Amino acid sequence: MVQVAYMLITTKYGKEREVSEELMKHKEVEDVHILYGQFDIILKIKAKDMAEVEKFILDKVRGNKDIESTETLIASDVG
């Protein structure tokens, strides 16, 4: 079963576009949007399972020096 997660990201000042472009290079990323408000970016992650989502977050997101904070929302299918 495919696992979907959304990630709200706060970047260092002025780094929104650079971070967005870097994240789009990864196969796990289905969609990226720059936001105005409390968060700078919303990221849609799609992976084969939760372990792959976790690996992506730990290896590719948290290691980015231009990302200050994240909030991860795990999607759950109903029905």
C-alpha atoms as a PDB file:
ATOM      1  CA  MET A   1       0.000   0.000   0.000  1.00  0.00           C
ATOM      2  CA  VAL A   2       1.296   3.444  -0.916  1.00  0.00           C
ATOM      3  CA  GLN A   3       2.001   5.830   1.957  1.00  0.00           C
ATOM      4  CA  VAL A   4       1.273   9.539   1.517  1.00  0.00           C
ATOM      5  CA  ALA A   5       2.560  12.300   3.771  1.00  0.00           C
ATOM      6  CA  TYR A   6       2.537  16.082   3.647  1.00  0.00           C
ATOM      7  CA  MET A   7       5.362  18.157   5.044  1.00  0.00           C
ATOM      8  CA  LEU A   8       5.156  21.813   6.042  1.00  0.00           C
ATOM      9  CA  ILE A   9       8.604  23.388   5.840  1.00  0.00           C
ATOM     10  CA  THR A  10      10.114  26.614   7.147  1.00  0.00           C
ATOM     11  CA  THR A  11      13.304  27.660   5.363  1.00  0.00           C
ATOM     12  CA  LYS A  12      15.983  30.213   6.061  1.00  0.00           C
ATOM     13  CA  TYR A  13      15.015  33.663   4.800  1.00  0.00           C
ATOM     14  CA  GLY A  14      14.983  33.834   0.998  1.00  0.00           C
ATOM     15  CA  LYS A  15      15.719  30.124   0.434  1.00  0.00           C
ATOM     16  CA  GLU A  16      12.178  28.962  -0.464  1.00  0.00           C
ATOM     17  CA  ARG A  17      12.727  28.595  -4.211  1.00  0.00           C
ATOM     18  CA  GLU A  18      16.152  26.969  -3.869  1.00  0.00           C
ATOM     19  CA  VAL A  19      14.867  24.400  -1.347  1.00  0.00           C
ATOM     20  CA  SER A  20      11.755  23.705  -3.453  1.00  0.00           C
ATOM     21  CA  GLU A  21      13.819  23.055  -6.577  1.00  0.00           C
ATOM     22  CA  GLU A  22      16.167  20.732  -4.678  1.00  0.00           C
ATOM     23  CA  LEU A  23      13.316  18.725  -3.141  1.00  0.00           C
ATOM     24  CA  MET A  24      11.577  18.240  -6.522  1.00  0.00           C
ATOM     25  CA  LYS A  25      14.594  16.212  -7.707  1.00  0.00           C
ATOM     26  CA  HIS A  26      13.677  13.294  -5.420  1.00  0.00           C
ATOM     27  CA  LYS A  27      11.437  10.448  -6.627  1.00  0.00           C
ATOM     28  CA  GLU A  28       9.434  10.461  -3.368  1.00  0.00           C
ATOM     29  CA  VAL A  29       8.251  14.038  -3.960  1.00  0.00           C
ATOM     30  CA  GLU A  30       4.993  14.233  -5.870  1.00  0.00           C
ATOM     31  CA  ASP A  31       4.268  17.943  -5.469  1.00  0.00           C
ATOM     32  CA  VAL A  32       5.817  21.113  -4.005  1.00  0.00           C
ATOM     33  CA  HIS A  33       4.263  24.538  -3.466  1.00  0.00           C
ATOM     34  CA  ILE A  34       5.737  27.720  -2.023  1.00  0.00           C
ATOM     35  CA  LEU A  35       3.397  29.205   0.592  1.00  0.00           C
ATOM     36  CA  TYR A  36       2.762  32.601   2.151  1.00  0.00           C
ATOM     37  CA  GLY A  37       2.137  32.480   5.889  1.00  0.00           C
ATOM     38  CA  GLN A  38       3.525  30.519   8.805  1.00  0.00           C
ATOM     39  CA  PHE A  39       5.245  27.939   6.564  1.00  0.00           C
ATOM     40  CA  ASP A  40       7.294  28.500   3.404  1.00  0.00           C
ATOM     41  CA  ILE A  41       6.741  25.214   1.542  1.00  0.00           C
ATOM     42  CA  ILE A  42       4.266  22.347   1.446  1.00  0.00           C
ATOM     43  CA  LEU A  43       5.575  19.062   0.129  1.00  0.00           C
ATOM     44  CA  LYS A  44       3.589  15.966  -0.873  1.00  0.00           C
ATOM     45  CA  ILE A  45       5.537  12.758  -0.334  1.00  0.00           C
ATOM     46  CA  LYS A  46       4.540   9.408  -1.834  1.00  0.00           C
ATOM     47  CA  ALA A  47       6.415   6.206  -1.047  1.00  0.00           C
ATOM     48  CA  LYS A  48       5.790   2.469  -0.998  1.00  0.00           C
ATOM     49  CA  ASP A  49       5.598   2.342   2.814  1.00  0.00           C
ATOM     50  CA  MET A  50       6.194   4.289   6.015  1.00  0.00           C
ATOM     51  CA  ALA A  51       9.809   3.104   6.267  1.00  0.00           C
ATOM     52  CA  GLU A  52      10.560   4.709   2.893  1.00  0.00           C
ATOM     53  CA  VAL A  53       8.853   7.962   3.960  1.00  0.00           C
ATOM     54  CA  GLU A  54      10.936   8.002   7.133  1.00  0.00           C
ATOM     55  CA  LYS A  55      14.163   7.335   5.223  1.00  0.00           C
ATOM     56  CA  PHE A  56      13.389  10.197   2.819  1.00  0.00           C
ATOM     57  CA  ILE A  57      12.696  12.621   5.675  1.00  0.00           C
ATOM     58  CA  LEU A  58      15.785  11.679   7.663  1.00  0.00           C
ATOM     59  CA  ASP A  59      18.234  11.421   4.752  1.00  0.00           C
ATOM     60  CA  LYS A  60      17.072  14.083   2.324  1.00  0.00           C
ATOM     61  CA  VAL A  61      15.024  16.691   4.180  1.00  0.00           C
ATOM     62  CA  ARG A  62      16.564  17.024   7.616  1.00  0.00           C
ATOM     63  CA  GLY A  63      20.056  17.147   6.149  1.00  0.00           C
ATOM     64  CA  ASN A  64      19.289  20.294   4.153  1.00  0.00           C
ATOM     65  CA  LYS A  65      21.046  23.207   5.870  1.00  0.00           C
ATOM     66  CA  ASP A  66      18.531  25.725   4.473  1.00  0.00           C
ATOM     67  CA  ILE A  67      15.552  24.057   6.190  1.00  0.00           C
ATOM     68  CA  GLU A  68      14.916  25.421   9.689  1.00  0.00           C
ATOM     69  CA  SER A  69      11.897  23.336  10.753  1.00  0.00           C
ATOM     70  CA  THR A  70       9.327  20.838   9.497  1.00  0.00           C
ATOM     71  CA  GLU A  71       5.897  19.549  10.421  1.00  0.00           C
ATOM     72  CA  THR A  72       4.985  16.144   8.965  1.00  0.00           C
ATOM     73  CA  LEU A  73       1.383  15.062   8.447  1.00  0.00           C
ATOM     74  CA  ILE A  74       0.832  11.359   7.700  1.00  0.00           C
ATOM     75  CA  ALA A  75      -2.230  10.708   5.527  1.00  0.00           C
ATOM     76  CA  SER A  76      -4.640   7.947   6.481  1.00  0.00           C
ATOM     77  CA  ASP A  77      -7.153   6.541   4.001  1.00  0.00           C
ATOM     78  CA  VAL A  78     -10.676   6.295   5.322  1.00  0.00           C
ATOM     79  CA  GLY A  79     -13.084   3.692   4.001  1.00  0.00           C
END
